[in-house]
């Protein structure tokens, strides 16, 4: 995921289904510095990414403009196993 570390997503508003169904995705640390403050839609962004163990790397995200988060972490079963919440 480190290859995504330098992506400039600062003007992005729609992150809907961006990584949906990336079943092998487990490390989202490359997203920790993303500027998503203009983001509105985060629906199903990580849905079906069952190997993600923690979303701590997203703790600095400013999602105050977000309007839709439906199923953002749907079926991320490893989050439950690791106390990622």
N, C-alpha and C. Protein backbone atom coordinates (compact mmCIF):
# COMPACT_ATOMS: atom_id res chain seq x y z
N UNK A 1 0.83 -1.19 0.00
CA UNK A 1 0.00 0.00 0.00
C UNK A 1 0.86 1.25 0.00
N UNK A 2 2.14 1.11 0.27
CA UNK A 2 3.01 2.27 0.32
C UNK A 2 3.07 3.02 -0.99
N UNK A 3 2.78 2.37 -2.10
CA UNK A 3 2.78 3.08 -3.38
C UNK A 3 1.68 4.13 -3.44
N UNK A 4 0.70 4.04 -2.58
CA UNK A 4 -0.39 5.03 -2.54
C UNK A 4 -0.09 6.17 -1.57
N UNK A 5 1.01 6.05 -0.87
CA UNK A 5 1.36 7.02 0.17
C UNK A 5 1.40 8.46 -0.35
N UNK A 6 1.89 8.66 -1.55
CA UNK A 6 2.06 10.01 -2.08
C UNK A 6 0.95 10.46 -3.03
N UNK A 7 -0.11 9.73 -3.11
CA UNK A 7 -1.21 10.16 -3.96
C UNK A 7 -1.80 11.45 -3.41
N UNK A 8 -2.08 12.39 -4.30
CA UNK A 8 -2.74 13.63 -3.89
C UNK A 8 -4.24 13.47 -4.14
N UNK A 9 -4.95 13.19 -3.07
CA UNK A 9 -6.40 13.03 -3.16
C UNK A 9 -7.11 14.19 -2.47
N UNK A 10 -6.40 15.29 -2.27
CA UNK A 10 -6.92 16.41 -1.48
C UNK A 10 -8.16 17.06 -2.08
N UNK A 11 -8.38 16.91 -3.37
CA UNK A 11 -9.59 17.47 -3.99
C UNK A 11 -10.67 16.43 -4.21
N UNK A 12 -10.41 15.21 -3.79
CA UNK A 12 -11.37 14.13 -3.99
C UNK A 12 -12.60 14.29 -3.10
N UNK A 13 -13.75 14.01 -3.65
CA UNK A 13 -14.99 14.06 -2.88
C UNK A 13 -15.65 12.69 -2.81
N UNK A 14 -15.35 11.82 -3.77
CA UNK A 14 -16.03 10.53 -3.84
C UNK A 14 -15.01 9.40 -3.72
N UNK A 15 -15.01 8.73 -2.57
CA UNK A 15 -14.13 7.60 -2.32
C UNK A 15 -14.93 6.30 -2.28
N UNK A 16 -16.14 6.37 -2.74
CA UNK A 16 -17.07 5.24 -2.72
C UNK A 16 -16.48 4.04 -3.45
N UNK A 17 -16.47 2.90 -2.76
CA UNK A 17 -16.05 1.62 -3.31
C UNK A 17 -14.62 1.60 -3.85
N UNK A 18 -13.79 2.51 -3.39
CA UNK A 18 -12.44 2.65 -3.91
C UNK A 18 -11.62 1.36 -3.79
N UNK A 19 -11.69 0.72 -2.64
CA UNK A 19 -10.95 -0.53 -2.43
C UNK A 19 -11.89 -1.71 -2.22
N UNK A 20 -13.14 -1.53 -2.53
CA UNK A 20 -14.14 -2.56 -2.33
C UNK A 20 -13.73 -3.85 -3.03
N UNK A 21 -13.86 -4.93 -2.32
CA UNK A 21 -13.56 -6.28 -2.82
C UNK A 21 -12.08 -6.53 -3.07
N UNK A 22 -11.21 -5.73 -2.49
CA UNK A 22 -9.77 -6.01 -2.54
C UNK A 22 -9.48 -7.00 -1.42
N UNK A 23 -9.80 -8.23 -1.67
CA UNK A 23 -9.78 -9.25 -0.63
C UNK A 23 -8.40 -9.47 -0.01
N UNK A 24 -7.34 -9.17 -0.72
CA UNK A 24 -6.00 -9.38 -0.18
C UNK A 24 -5.45 -8.16 0.55
N UNK A 25 -6.17 -7.06 0.49
CA UNK A 25 -5.73 -5.83 1.15
C UNK A 25 -5.73 -6.03 2.67
N UNK A 26 -4.58 -5.84 3.29
CA UNK A 26 -4.50 -5.98 4.74
C UNK A 26 -3.81 -4.78 5.39
N UNK A 27 -2.98 -4.10 4.67
CA UNK A 27 -2.20 -2.98 5.23
C UNK A 27 -2.64 -1.68 4.57
N UNK A 28 -3.24 -0.80 5.36
CA UNK A 28 -3.69 0.48 4.81
C UNK A 28 -2.85 1.63 5.35
N UNK A 29 -1.64 1.32 5.82
CA UNK A 29 -0.78 2.35 6.39
C UNK A 29 -0.38 3.40 5.35
N UNK A 30 -0.38 3.06 4.08
CA UNK A 30 -0.04 4.01 3.04
C UNK A 30 -1.06 5.12 2.87
N UNK A 31 -2.20 4.98 3.54
CA UNK A 31 -3.26 5.98 3.43
C UNK A 31 -3.25 6.96 4.60
N UNK A 32 -2.34 6.79 5.54
CA UNK A 32 -2.39 7.57 6.77
C UNK A 32 -2.24 9.06 6.57
N UNK A 33 -1.58 9.51 5.53
CA UNK A 33 -1.39 10.94 5.30
C UNK A 33 -2.30 11.51 4.22
N UNK A 34 -3.24 10.73 3.77
CA UNK A 34 -4.18 11.24 2.77
C UNK A 34 -4.98 12.38 3.35
N UNK A 35 -5.16 13.42 2.57
CA UNK A 35 -6.00 14.56 2.95
C UNK A 35 -7.36 14.35 2.30
N UNK A 36 -8.33 13.94 3.10
CA UNK A 36 -9.65 13.62 2.57
C UNK A 36 -10.72 14.57 3.11
N UNK A 37 -10.32 15.77 3.52
CA UNK A 37 -11.26 16.69 4.16
C UNK A 37 -12.39 17.14 3.24
N UNK A 38 -12.22 17.05 1.94
CA UNK A 38 -13.29 17.41 1.01
C UNK A 38 -14.18 16.21 0.69
N UNK A 39 -13.81 15.06 1.23
CA UNK A 39 -14.55 13.84 0.96
C UNK A 39 -15.98 13.88 1.47
N UNK A 40 -16.89 13.43 0.66
CA UNK A 40 -18.31 13.38 1.01
C UNK A 40 -18.79 11.93 1.06
N UNK A 41 -18.39 11.14 0.08
CA UNK A 41 -18.88 9.78 -0.07
C UNK A 41 -17.78 8.76 0.25
N UNK A 42 -18.01 7.98 1.28
CA UNK A 42 -17.06 6.95 1.68
C UNK A 42 -17.74 5.57 1.69
N UNK A 43 -18.92 5.49 1.11
CA UNK A 43 -19.69 4.26 1.11
C UNK A 43 -18.87 3.08 0.60
N UNK A 44 -18.88 2.01 1.34
CA UNK A 44 -18.26 0.74 0.93
C UNK A 44 -16.80 0.88 0.52
N UNK A 45 -16.11 1.86 1.02
CA UNK A 45 -14.73 2.11 0.61
C UNK A 45 -13.84 0.89 0.81
N UNK A 46 -14.01 0.21 1.93
CA UNK A 46 -13.20 -0.97 2.22
C UNK A 46 -14.05 -2.23 2.32
N UNK A 47 -15.25 -2.18 1.84
CA UNK A 47 -16.15 -3.32 1.97
C UNK A 47 -15.56 -4.57 1.32
N UNK A 48 -15.72 -5.68 2.01
CA UNK A 48 -15.21 -6.99 1.58
C UNK A 48 -13.69 -7.11 1.68
N UNK A 49 -13.03 -6.16 2.33
CA UNK A 49 -11.58 -6.25 2.57
C UNK A 49 -11.39 -6.97 3.90
N UNK A 50 -11.62 -8.23 3.88
CA UNK A 50 -11.70 -9.01 5.12
C UNK A 50 -10.37 -9.16 5.86
N UNK A 51 -9.27 -8.79 5.25
CA UNK A 51 -7.97 -8.97 5.90
C UNK A 51 -7.47 -7.72 6.63
N UNK A 52 -8.16 -6.59 6.49
CA UNK A 52 -7.75 -5.38 7.22
C UNK A 52 -7.91 -5.66 8.71
N UNK A 53 -6.85 -5.46 9.47
CA UNK A 53 -6.86 -5.79 10.90
C UNK A 53 -7.05 -4.55 11.78
N UNK A 54 -6.81 -3.37 11.24
CA UNK A 54 -6.93 -2.16 12.05
C UNK A 54 -7.16 -0.97 11.13
N UNK A 55 -7.89 0.00 11.61
CA UNK A 55 -8.03 1.23 10.84
C UNK A 55 -7.37 2.40 11.58
N UNK A 56 -6.44 2.10 12.46
CA UNK A 56 -5.70 3.14 13.19
C UNK A 56 -4.96 4.09 12.26
N UNK A 57 -4.56 3.60 11.08
CA UNK A 57 -3.85 4.46 10.14
C UNK A 57 -4.74 5.54 9.55
N UNK A 58 -6.03 5.46 9.79
CA UNK A 58 -6.96 6.47 9.28
C UNK A 58 -7.35 7.47 10.36
N UNK A 59 -6.75 7.37 11.52
CA UNK A 59 -7.17 8.20 12.64
C UNK A 59 -6.95 9.70 12.42
N UNK A 60 -6.06 10.07 11.53
CA UNK A 60 -5.83 11.49 11.26
C UNK A 60 -6.68 12.03 10.11
N UNK A 61 -7.49 11.19 9.55
CA UNK A 61 -8.36 11.64 8.46
C UNK A 61 -9.39 12.62 9.01
N UNK A 62 -9.56 13.72 8.30
CA UNK A 62 -10.61 14.67 8.63
C UNK A 62 -11.78 14.38 7.70
N UNK A 63 -12.79 13.72 8.23
CA UNK A 63 -13.95 13.35 7.42
C UNK A 63 -15.18 14.15 7.85
N UNK A 64 -14.95 15.36 8.35
CA UNK A 64 -16.05 16.17 8.87
C UNK A 64 -17.05 16.57 7.80
N UNK A 65 -16.67 16.56 6.53
CA UNK A 65 -17.61 16.87 5.45
C UNK A 65 -18.31 15.63 4.93
N UNK A 66 -17.93 14.49 5.44
CA UNK A 66 -18.51 13.23 4.98
C UNK A 66 -20.00 13.15 5.23
N UNK A 67 -20.73 12.67 4.26
CA UNK A 67 -22.18 12.53 4.36
C UNK A 67 -22.62 11.07 4.31
N UNK A 68 -21.84 10.24 3.63
CA UNK A 68 -22.24 8.85 3.47
C UNK A 68 -21.08 7.91 3.79
N UNK A 69 -21.31 7.07 4.79
CA UNK A 69 -20.32 6.11 5.24
C UNK A 69 -20.88 4.69 5.24
N UNK A 70 -22.03 4.50 4.60
CA UNK A 70 -22.71 3.21 4.61
C UNK A 70 -21.75 2.09 4.22
N UNK A 71 -21.71 1.06 5.03
CA UNK A 71 -20.94 -0.16 4.75
C UNK A 71 -19.46 0.11 4.48
N UNK A 72 -18.91 1.15 5.04
CA UNK A 72 -17.50 1.50 4.79
C UNK A 72 -16.57 0.34 5.11
N UNK A 73 -16.85 -0.37 6.20
CA UNK A 73 -16.02 -1.50 6.60
C UNK A 73 -16.83 -2.80 6.61
N UNK A 74 -17.81 -2.88 5.76
CA UNK A 74 -18.66 -4.07 5.70
C UNK A 74 -17.83 -5.31 5.40
N UNK A 75 -18.04 -6.32 6.17
CA UNK A 75 -17.39 -7.63 6.04
C UNK A 75 -15.87 -7.55 6.21
N UNK A 76 -15.42 -6.63 7.05
CA UNK A 76 -14.00 -6.57 7.43
C UNK A 76 -13.86 -7.40 8.69
N UNK A 77 -13.97 -8.69 8.54
CA UNK A 77 -14.04 -9.60 9.68
C UNK A 77 -12.78 -9.62 10.52
N UNK A 78 -11.63 -9.31 9.97
CA UNK A 78 -10.40 -9.29 10.76
C UNK A 78 -10.36 -8.12 11.73
N UNK A 79 -11.12 -7.06 11.47
CA UNK A 79 -11.21 -5.95 12.42
C UNK A 79 -11.81 -6.45 13.73
N UNK A 80 -12.81 -7.27 13.62
CA UNK A 80 -13.44 -7.81 14.83
C UNK A 80 -12.49 -8.71 15.59
N UNK A 81 -11.73 -9.50 14.88
CA UNK A 81 -10.82 -10.45 15.51
C UNK A 81 -9.67 -9.75 16.22
N UNK A 82 -9.28 -8.57 15.75
CA UNK A 82 -8.10 -7.91 16.30
C UNK A 82 -8.44 -6.76 17.24
N UNK A 83 -9.71 -6.60 17.55
CA UNK A 83 -10.15 -5.44 18.35
C UNK A 83 -9.76 -4.14 17.68
N UNK A 84 -9.83 -4.10 16.35
CA UNK A 84 -9.48 -2.91 15.59
C UNK A 84 -10.42 -1.76 15.84
N UNK A 85 -11.53 -2.04 16.48
CA UNK A 85 -12.46 -0.97 16.80
C UNK A 85 -12.04 -0.41 18.11
